[in-house]
Protein backbone atom coordinates (compact mmCIF):
# COMPACT_ATOMS: atom_id res chain seq x y z
CA MET A 1 1.27 1.61 19.33
CA PHE A 2 4.46 -0.01 20.99
CA LEU A 3 6.44 -0.61 18.39
CA THR A 4 7.20 3.41 17.71
CA PRO A 5 9.24 3.75 21.16
CA THR A 6 10.76 0.31 20.14
CA CYS A 7 12.05 1.69 16.93
CA VAL A 8 12.95 5.06 18.70
CA GLY A 9 15.24 3.07 21.05
CA LEU A 10 16.76 1.05 18.26
CA VAL A 11 17.92 4.52 16.51
CA GLU A 12 19.56 5.69 19.82
CA VAL A 13 21.21 2.43 20.07
CA LEU A 14 22.67 2.30 16.56
CA TRP A 15 23.59 6.12 16.59
CA GLU A 16 26.83 5.10 19.14
CA ARG A 17 27.47 2.62 16.13
CA GLN A 18 29.51 2.88 13.05
CA ASP A 19 26.94 0.69 11.02
CA PHE A 20 25.48 3.08 8.03
CA LYS A 21 22.99 1.01 6.57
CA ALA A 22 21.47 -0.21 10.01
CA LEU A 23 21.18 3.42 11.08
CA LEU A 24 19.80 4.49 7.92
CA ASN A 25 17.14 1.66 7.78
CA ALA A 26 16.47 1.94 11.60
CA VAL A 27 15.52 6.06 10.93
CA LEU A 28 13.30 5.06 8.30
CA LEU A 29 11.53 2.34 10.14
CA ALA A 30 10.64 4.64 12.97
CA LYS A 31 9.58 7.05 10.72
CA CYS A 32 7.62 4.82 8.71
CA PHE A 33 5.61 3.82 12.22
CA LYS A 34 5.37 7.02 13.53
CA ALA A 35 3.32 8.51 10.19
CA LYS A 36 1.59 4.97 9.97
CA GLN A 37 2.91 5.12 6.21
CA TRP A 38 5.69 2.98 4.34
CA GLU A 39 8.55 5.16 2.68
CA SER A 40 7.39 3.47 -0.99
CA SER A 41 3.50 4.29 -0.17
CA ARG A 42 1.47 6.12 -2.54
CA HIS A 43 -1.06 7.76 -0.10
CA MET A 44 1.14 10.72 0.60
CA SER A 45 -1.99 12.67 1.06
CA ARG A 46 -3.19 10.78 4.09
CA GLN A 47 -0.78 12.65 6.40
CA LEU A 48 -2.67 15.93 5.93
CA ALA A 49 -5.33 16.68 8.28
CA GLY A 50 -8.98 15.82 6.98
CA ILE A 51 -7.87 13.48 4.42
CA GLY A 52 -8.91 9.54 5.14
CA THR A 53 -8.69 6.48 3.57
CA MET A 54 -11.43 7.06 0.89
CA LEU A 55 -10.21 10.38 -0.03
CA SER A 56 -6.79 9.13 -0.29
CA ASN A 57 -7.57 6.51 -2.72
CA ALA A 58 -9.51 8.76 -4.96
CA LEU A 59 -6.47 11.09 -5.06
CA VAL A 60 -4.12 8.20 -5.60
CA ASN A 61 -6.88 6.91 -8.77
CA ALA A 62 -6.28 10.32 -9.74
CA GLY A 63 -2.58 10.00 -10.09
CA MET A 64 -1.81 12.52 -7.24
CA VAL A 65 0.68 10.34 -5.44
CA SER A 66 3.10 13.09 -4.07
CA PHE A 67 3.16 16.45 -2.39
CA GLN A 68 4.60 18.12 -5.46
CA LYS A 69 1.63 16.67 -7.60
CA LEU A 70 -0.97 18.13 -5.00
CA GLU A 71 0.83 21.68 -5.08
CA ASP A 72 0.88 21.73 -8.69
CA THR A 73 -3.31 20.89 -9.26
CA ASN A 74 -5.76 23.12 -9.27
CA PRO A 75 -8.07 23.47 -6.23
CA ARG A 76 -11.07 22.77 -7.96
CA GLU A 77 -10.07 19.93 -9.13
CA ILE A 78 -9.05 18.29 -6.02
CA GLU A 79 -12.58 19.18 -4.88
CA LEU A 80 -14.08 17.31 -8.32
CA ILE A 81 -11.76 14.38 -7.44
CA VAL A 82 -12.83 13.63 -3.73
CA ASN A 83 -16.44 15.16 -4.24
CA ARG A 84 -16.29 18.38 -1.62
CA HIS A 85 -17.27 21.63 -1.73
CA PRO A 86 -15.07 24.76 -1.99
CA PRO A 87 -12.74 25.93 0.24
CA PHE A 88 -11.60 22.36 0.63
CA GLY A 89 -9.37 22.24 -2.44
CA SER A 90 -7.73 25.50 -1.41
CA GLN A 91 -7.23 24.09 2.13
CA VAL A 92 -5.36 21.06 1.23
CA VAL A 93 -3.07 23.23 -1.53
CA ASP A 94 -2.25 25.56 1.22
CA ALA A 95 -1.48 22.65 3.66
CA VAL A 96 1.04 21.37 1.25
CA LYS A 97 2.76 24.40 0.26
CA ARG A 98 3.41 24.89 4.00
CA LEU A 99 5.19 21.87 4.26
CA PRO A 100 8.91 22.09 4.76
CA LYS A 101 10.87 21.99 1.72
CA TYR A 102 14.50 21.08 1.89
CA GLU A 103 17.41 21.36 -0.66
CA LEU A 104 20.85 19.61 -0.24
CA SER A 105 24.03 20.36 -2.22
CA ILE A 106 27.24 18.95 -2.11
CA GLU A 107 30.33 20.66 -3.06
CA GLN A 108 33.63 19.70 -3.52
CA SER A 109 36.79 21.94 -2.60
CA ALA A 110 39.35 22.52 -4.92
CA SER A 111 42.03 21.07 -3.07
CA TYR A 112 43.03 17.45 -4.35
CA ALA A 113 44.60 14.69 -2.66
CA PRO A 114 45.19 10.90 -3.44
CA ASP A 115 43.18 9.54 -0.64
CA THR A 116 41.14 12.28 1.02
CA ALA A 117 38.50 14.84 -0.42
CA GLU A 118 36.96 17.68 1.16
CA VAL A 119 33.54 17.96 0.76
CA THR A 120 30.60 20.76 1.67
CA VAL A 121 27.17 19.73 2.12
CA THR A 122 24.61 22.48 2.85
CA VAL A 123 20.98 22.42 3.77
CA SER A 124 18.26 25.01 3.52
CA LEU A 125 14.58 25.54 3.56
CA ALA A 126 13.00 26.62 0.19
CA ASN A 127 10.04 27.90 1.26
CA SER A 128 11.01 29.44 4.71
CA ASP A 129 8.85 32.43 4.20
CA LEU A 130 5.98 30.02 4.37
CA ILE A 131 7.16 28.14 7.11
CA ARG A 132 7.93 31.29 9.43
CA GLU A 133 4.03 32.39 9.16
CA ARG A 134 2.70 28.78 9.56
CA SER A 135 4.14 25.56 9.63
CA THR A 136 1.92 22.51 8.25
CA ALA A 137 4.37 20.10 10.38
CA ALA A 138 5.01 20.19 14.26
CA PRO A 139 6.90 23.27 15.79
CA ASN A 140 9.52 20.48 16.84
CA HIS A 141 10.15 18.79 13.53
CA CYS A 142 13.71 17.52 13.14
CA CYS A 143 15.34 15.77 10.24
CA VAL A 144 18.38 13.33 10.55
CA LEU A 145 21.67 14.07 8.31
CA LEU A 146 23.47 10.96 7.56
CA VAL A 147 26.67 10.53 5.45
CA GLY A 148 28.24 7.14 4.50
CA ASP A 149 30.68 5.59 1.90
CA VAL A 150 30.70 2.41 0.20
CA GLY A 151 31.80 0.43 3.38
CA ASN A 152 29.24 0.84 5.45
CA LYS A 153 31.05 3.19 7.28
CA ILE A 154 29.17 6.83 8.89
CA LEU A 155 31.12 9.77 7.76
CA TYR A 156 28.90 12.27 9.53
CA LYS A 157 25.46 12.06 11.13
CA THR A 158 23.38 15.20 13.04
CA ARG A 159 19.61 15.87 13.59
CA LEU A 160 18.88 19.55 12.61
CA SER A 161 15.13 21.11 13.54
CA ASP A 162 13.12 23.58 11.13
CA ALA A 163 13.45 26.19 13.66
CA MET A 164 17.22 26.34 13.55
CA LEU A 165 17.09 26.71 9.90
CA LEU A 166 14.55 29.81 10.04
CA ARG A 167 16.75 31.16 12.63
CA THR A 168 20.34 30.83 11.32
CA GLY A 169 19.55 30.21 7.52
CA PRO A 170 21.10 27.90 5.47
CA TRP A 171 23.35 25.61 7.23
CA SER A 172 26.61 24.26 5.84
CA LYS A 173 29.28 21.28 6.92
CA ARG A 174 32.77 20.77 5.44
CA LEU A 175 33.84 17.29 5.52
CA ASP A 176 37.40 15.61 5.02
CA ILE A 177 36.49 12.08 3.26
CA ARG A 178 39.06 9.44 3.61
CA ARG A 179 39.16 7.26 -0.13
CA ALA A 180 37.32 4.22 1.04
CA ALA A 181 38.89 0.82 -0.27
CA LYS A 182 35.59 -0.67 -1.78
CA GLY A 183 34.62 2.77 -3.79
CA GLU A 184 34.48 6.11 -3.87
CA GLU A 185 30.92 6.88 -4.27
CA LEU A 186 29.00 8.48 -1.11
CA SER A 187 25.39 8.34 0.35
CA VAL A 188 23.83 11.43 1.47
CA ASN A 189 20.54 11.31 3.13
CA PHE A 190 18.27 13.53 4.64
CA MET A 191 15.24 12.21 6.37
CA SER A 192 12.87 13.58 8.20
CA GLN A 193 11.68 12.05 11.66
CA ASP A 194 7.81 12.54 10.92
CA TRP A 195 6.96 12.76 7.38
CA VAL A 196 7.08 10.62 4.63
CA GLY A 197 7.65 11.93 1.43
CA LEU A 198 9.67 14.86 2.54
CA ASP A 199 13.19 12.92 2.16
CA VAL A 200 15.92 14.19 0.11
CA GLN A 201 18.46 11.61 -0.71
CA SER A 202 21.44 11.63 -3.23
CA THR A 203 25.08 9.86 -4.01
CA TYR A 204 27.88 12.36 -4.93
CA THR A 205 31.26 10.89 -6.02
CA PRO A 206 34.60 12.60 -5.27
CA PHE A 207 37.05 13.52 -7.27
CA TYR A 208 40.57 11.95 -6.19
CA SER A 209 44.22 12.82 -7.47
CA GLY A 210 46.41 9.95 -8.22
CA VAL A 211 45.88 6.27 -9.67
CA LYS A 212 42.22 5.08 -9.50
CA ARG A 213 42.20 2.05 -7.25
CA VAL A 214 40.40 -1.62 -8.34
CA SER A 215 37.84 -2.60 -5.49
CA ARG A 216 38.44 -5.96 -4.49
CA GLY A 217 35.99 -7.42 -6.76
CA HIS A 218 38.06 -6.43 -9.73
CA THR A 219 41.19 -7.60 -8.30
CA GLU A 220 40.00 -11.24 -7.29
CA SER A 221 38.66 -11.30 -10.51
CA ALA A 222 41.88 -10.29 -12.21
CA VAL A 223 43.45 -12.73 -10.27
CA SER A 224 41.17 -15.58 -11.19
CA MET A 225 41.45 -14.71 -14.70
CA GLY A 226 45.17 -14.69 -14.80
CA CYS A 227 45.37 -18.04 -13.08
CA ILE A 228 43.29 -19.06 -16.20
CA TRP A 229 45.80 -17.38 -18.53
CA THR A 230 48.61 -19.33 -16.80
CA ASN A 231 46.88 -22.79 -16.95
CA LEU A 232 46.09 -22.32 -20.79
CA LEU A 233 49.66 -21.73 -21.19
CA VAL A 234 50.99 -24.72 -19.20
CA CYS A 235 48.84 -27.03 -20.92
CA PRO A 236 50.06 -28.09 -24.39
CA PRO A 237 47.63 -27.70 -27.52
CA VAL A 238 45.53 -30.84 -27.88
CA SER A 239 45.63 -31.85 -31.40
CA LEU A 240 42.69 -33.48 -32.88
CA GLY A 241 44.80 -35.37 -35.95
CA SER A 242 45.87 -34.16 -39.24
CA PRO A 243 44.16 -30.90 -40.56
CA GLY A 244 42.33 -32.92 -43.00
CA GLN A 245 40.79 -35.61 -40.10
CA SER A 246 37.39 -34.91 -38.44
CA LEU A 247 35.69 -36.81 -35.87
CA ARG A 248 32.78 -38.80 -36.64
CA ASP A 249 29.45 -37.99 -35.52
CA ASN A 250 28.50 -39.05 -31.85
CA PHE A 251 32.15 -39.00 -31.04
CA LYS A 252 34.49 -36.54 -28.94
CA ALA A 253 38.43 -36.18 -28.31
CA CYS A 254 39.62 -37.94 -25.54
CA ASN A 255 41.54 -36.27 -22.50
CA HIS A 256 44.82 -37.47 -23.29
CA ARG A 257 47.56 -34.68 -23.64
CA CYS A 258 49.52 -36.49 -26.47
CA LEU A 259 51.34 -34.07 -29.04
CA HIS A 260 50.47 -35.64 -32.07
CA LYS A 261 47.21 -37.74 -31.65
CA ASP A 262 47.42 -39.04 -35.25
CA THR A 263 50.77 -40.98 -34.73
CA CYS A 264 49.85 -41.89 -31.29
CA ALA A 265 49.13 -45.67 -30.00
CA HIS A 266 45.96 -44.54 -28.53
CA GLU A 267 42.89 -45.25 -30.08
CA CYS A 268 40.80 -42.77 -28.52
CA CYS A 269 43.37 -40.54 -29.89
CA LYS A 270 43.01 -41.38 -33.38
CA PHE A 271 39.23 -41.85 -33.70
CA GLY A 272 37.82 -40.11 -30.76
CA VAL A 273 35.19 -41.62 -27.88
CA SER A 274 31.93 -42.13 -28.30
CA VAL A 275 29.36 -40.03 -26.66
CA LYS A 276 26.60 -41.58 -25.02
CA THR A 277 23.07 -39.48 -25.87
CA LYS A 278 20.59 -38.92 -23.05
CA ALA A 279 17.22 -38.92 -23.28
CA PRO A 280 15.64 -35.71 -22.37
CA VAL A 281 14.10 -36.26 -19.11
CA THR A 282 10.63 -34.54 -19.81
CA GLY A 283 7.85 -33.78 -17.10
CA MET A 284 4.04 -34.54 -17.28
CA MET A 285 3.31 -31.03 -18.37
CA GLU A 286 5.98 -30.95 -21.23
CA SER A 287 4.74 -34.54 -22.13
CA TYR A 288 1.23 -33.33 -22.45
CA ARG A 289 2.15 -30.10 -24.00
CA GLN A 290 3.88 -32.91 -26.97
CA GLY A 291 0.70 -34.49 -27.19
CA LEU A 292 -1.18 -31.58 -27.96
CA LYS A 293 1.22 -30.37 -30.51
CA THR A 294 1.25 -33.96 -32.30
CA LYS A 295 -2.64 -34.15 -32.13
CA LEU A 296 -2.40 -30.27 -34.03
CA ASP A 297 0.02 -31.44 -36.79
CA ASN A 298 -2.31 -34.53 -37.59
CA ILE A 299 -5.22 -32.28 -38.14
CA THR A 300 -5.73 -31.64 -41.79
CA ARG A 301 -5.78 -28.13 -42.44
CA THR A 302 -7.99 -26.25 -44.47
CA PRO A 303 -6.72 -25.06 -47.82
CA ASN A 304 -6.08 -21.55 -48.70
CA LEU A 305 -8.88 -20.38 -51.08
CA LYS A 306 -8.17 -17.15 -52.67
CA ARG A 307 -10.56 -14.32 -52.48
CA LEU A 308 -13.17 -14.13 -55.05
CA LYS A 309 -12.45 -10.95 -57.15
CA GLN A 310 -15.28 -8.85 -57.31
CA PRO A 311 -16.15 -7.21 -60.59
CA SER A 312 -15.14 -3.60 -61.07
CA VAL A 313 -18.06 -1.23 -61.32
CA GLN A 314 -18.20 2.21 -61.61
CA TYR A 315 -20.73 4.32 -59.28
CA THR A 316 -21.42 7.72 -59.44
CA LEU A 317 -23.05 9.93 -56.97
CA GLN A 318 -26.03 10.61 -58.85
CA GLN A 319 -27.10 6.98 -58.21
CA PHE A 320 -27.37 7.96 -54.44
CA ALA A 321 -29.34 10.83 -55.19
CA TYR A 322 -32.97 11.42 -53.36
CA THR A 323 -35.96 11.12 -56.12
CA PRO A 324 -39.18 12.16 -54.55
CA ILE A 325 -42.68 9.84 -55.06
CA MET A 326 -45.02 11.37 -57.13
CA LYS A 327 -48.46 10.70 -55.63
CA ALA A 328 -50.58 9.49 -58.41
CA LYS A 329 -53.91 11.12 -59.20
CA MET A 330 -57.46 9.09 -58.51
CA THR A 331 -59.63 9.31 -61.47
CA PRO A 332 -63.47 9.26 -60.16
CA THR A 333 -65.04 5.84 -61.67
CA VAL A 334 -68.69 7.88 -61.53
CA PRO A 335 -69.54 10.78 -63.12
CA VAL A 336 -70.41 13.74 -60.82
CA ALA A 337 -73.87 15.52 -61.89
CA PRO A 338 -74.53 18.59 -60.12
CA THR A 339 -77.33 18.70 -57.70
CA THR A 340 -80.27 21.05 -56.88
CA ALA A 341 -79.97 22.83 -53.64
CA SER A 342 -81.91 22.11 -51.30
CA GLY A 343 -82.96 23.42 -47.76
CA TRP A 344 -85.01 26.53 -49.04
CA ASP A 345 -88.00 24.96 -47.59
CA HIS A 346 -86.63 24.98 -43.99
CA LEU A 347 -85.35 28.47 -44.65
CA GLN A 348 -89.37 30.01 -45.74
CA LEU A 349 -90.39 28.33 -42.57
CA TYR A 350 -88.31 29.89 -40.59
CA GLU A 351 -89.22 33.44 -41.97
CA GLN A 352 -92.87 32.81 -41.54
CA ARG A 353 -92.32 31.61 -38.01
CA GLN A 354 -90.65 34.58 -37.31
CA GLN A 355 -92.80 37.07 -38.53
CA VAL A 356 -95.40 35.30 -36.57
CA LEU A 357 -93.34 35.94 -33.31
CA ASP A 358 -93.06 39.45 -34.39
CA MET A 359 -96.95 39.75 -34.67
CA TRP A 360 -97.20 38.21 -31.12
CA GLY A 361 -94.62 40.50 -29.44
CA LYS A 362 -96.68 43.70 -31.05
CA GLN A 363 -99.63 42.56 -29.79
CA GLN A 364 -98.15 41.69 -26.21
CA ASN A 365 -96.99 45.20 -26.22
CA PHE A 366 -100.22 46.59 -27.29
CA TYR A 367 -101.82 44.84 -24.61
CA TYR A 368 -99.52 46.08 -21.86
CA PHE A 369 -99.67 49.91 -22.67
CA LEU A 370 -103.62 49.76 -22.79
CA ASN A 371 -103.54 48.01 -19.06
CA LYS A 372 -101.24 51.24 -18.20
CA TYR A 373 -103.49 53.45 -19.84
CA VAL A 374 -106.70 52.00 -18.32
CA HIS A 375 -105.67 52.11 -15.08
CA ALA A 376 -104.34 55.71 -14.87
CA CYS A 377 -108.11 56.63 -16.13
CA SER A 378 -109.49 54.81 -13.54
CA THR A 379 -107.54 56.43 -10.98
CA ASP A 380 -108.07 59.84 -12.17
CA CYS A 381 -111.75 58.92 -12.06
CA MET A 382 -111.64 57.77 -8.46
CA PHE A 383 -109.74 60.89 -7.38
CA ALA A 384 -112.51 63.19 -9.01
CA TRP A 385 -115.55 61.27 -7.18
CA LEU A 386 -113.72 61.85 -3.90
CA CYS A 387 -113.51 64.99 -4.24
CA LYS A 388 -117.01 65.45 -5.29
CA ILE A 389 -118.34 63.50 -2.35
CA SER A 390 -116.11 65.72 0.23
């Protein structure tokens, strides 16, 4: 929390100096502390509202490591990746689309000079219509334009806000660049002060008329090579004897600068100087590896046996055809003889019983109607007797 004001103060101090690399790194460091993301981080989506560590890890695992990839992805696919319901994906894509997108162009004028070049730098907002409606970044969002050369010199520096770009349109600045001694390449950086992933960084090499200069490194190397060639020309050639004469093994030519070594009185010039062979210094790991290699060399190897050749057999598809298995018919061992029908006696008994029940039912009906008739007759007689008595 206390590092952000410190870095901002460092930027303000270096703003008054002419150290290009120091100011560039200070601006990047202050932005990283404010955004809580390193410049090379892949978790760009964590800066958006509603996306935390878990959702950012899921998006990174899916390959969405930049704002451009998030914008080009289908919102439904984003919802499947982070396991969220609609309209979460649409909100993320809309927030990314409303981040400021900057376009940086560098153009050199047609007037050329040996030591100076006239360069025009133009900065514009690519999505100014969306930013004018609503911006994901803060209303006071600013960027730093920093131009430097190979000699670590600041050629131009300024701060540009989104509000100014919306109000005035594309911003341009003409710069008179002086040719640096170490090189001609220019570094143009347009960096956001709050967001990671919105920077536009480029290099540009202007054209200068006249002879191309050589940098200091090339000059020093050329001088050193010149000294070497001078020494080679001054030093006389060293003869190793007659053309047919050659040094023996483990012998080398001496350092004497004799013109004719075959007629020289020096014995070393005629036969050479013996070379002492030094045993190679091996460490513990090297000796262990050599021991393993020796053991492997001592192991008897298995002889290479030729593969047995299989006899060539011609196969046809008929061999693999399906053949149904027929069920064998079982023949009875004991002859079957027809038997007489049984159960007729029970049927006759059932018919007799049914006849008895029918007769009993008829008797019951007869007795019932007879009782009714007797009761009716007795009632009529009783009524007639009562009439007579009265």
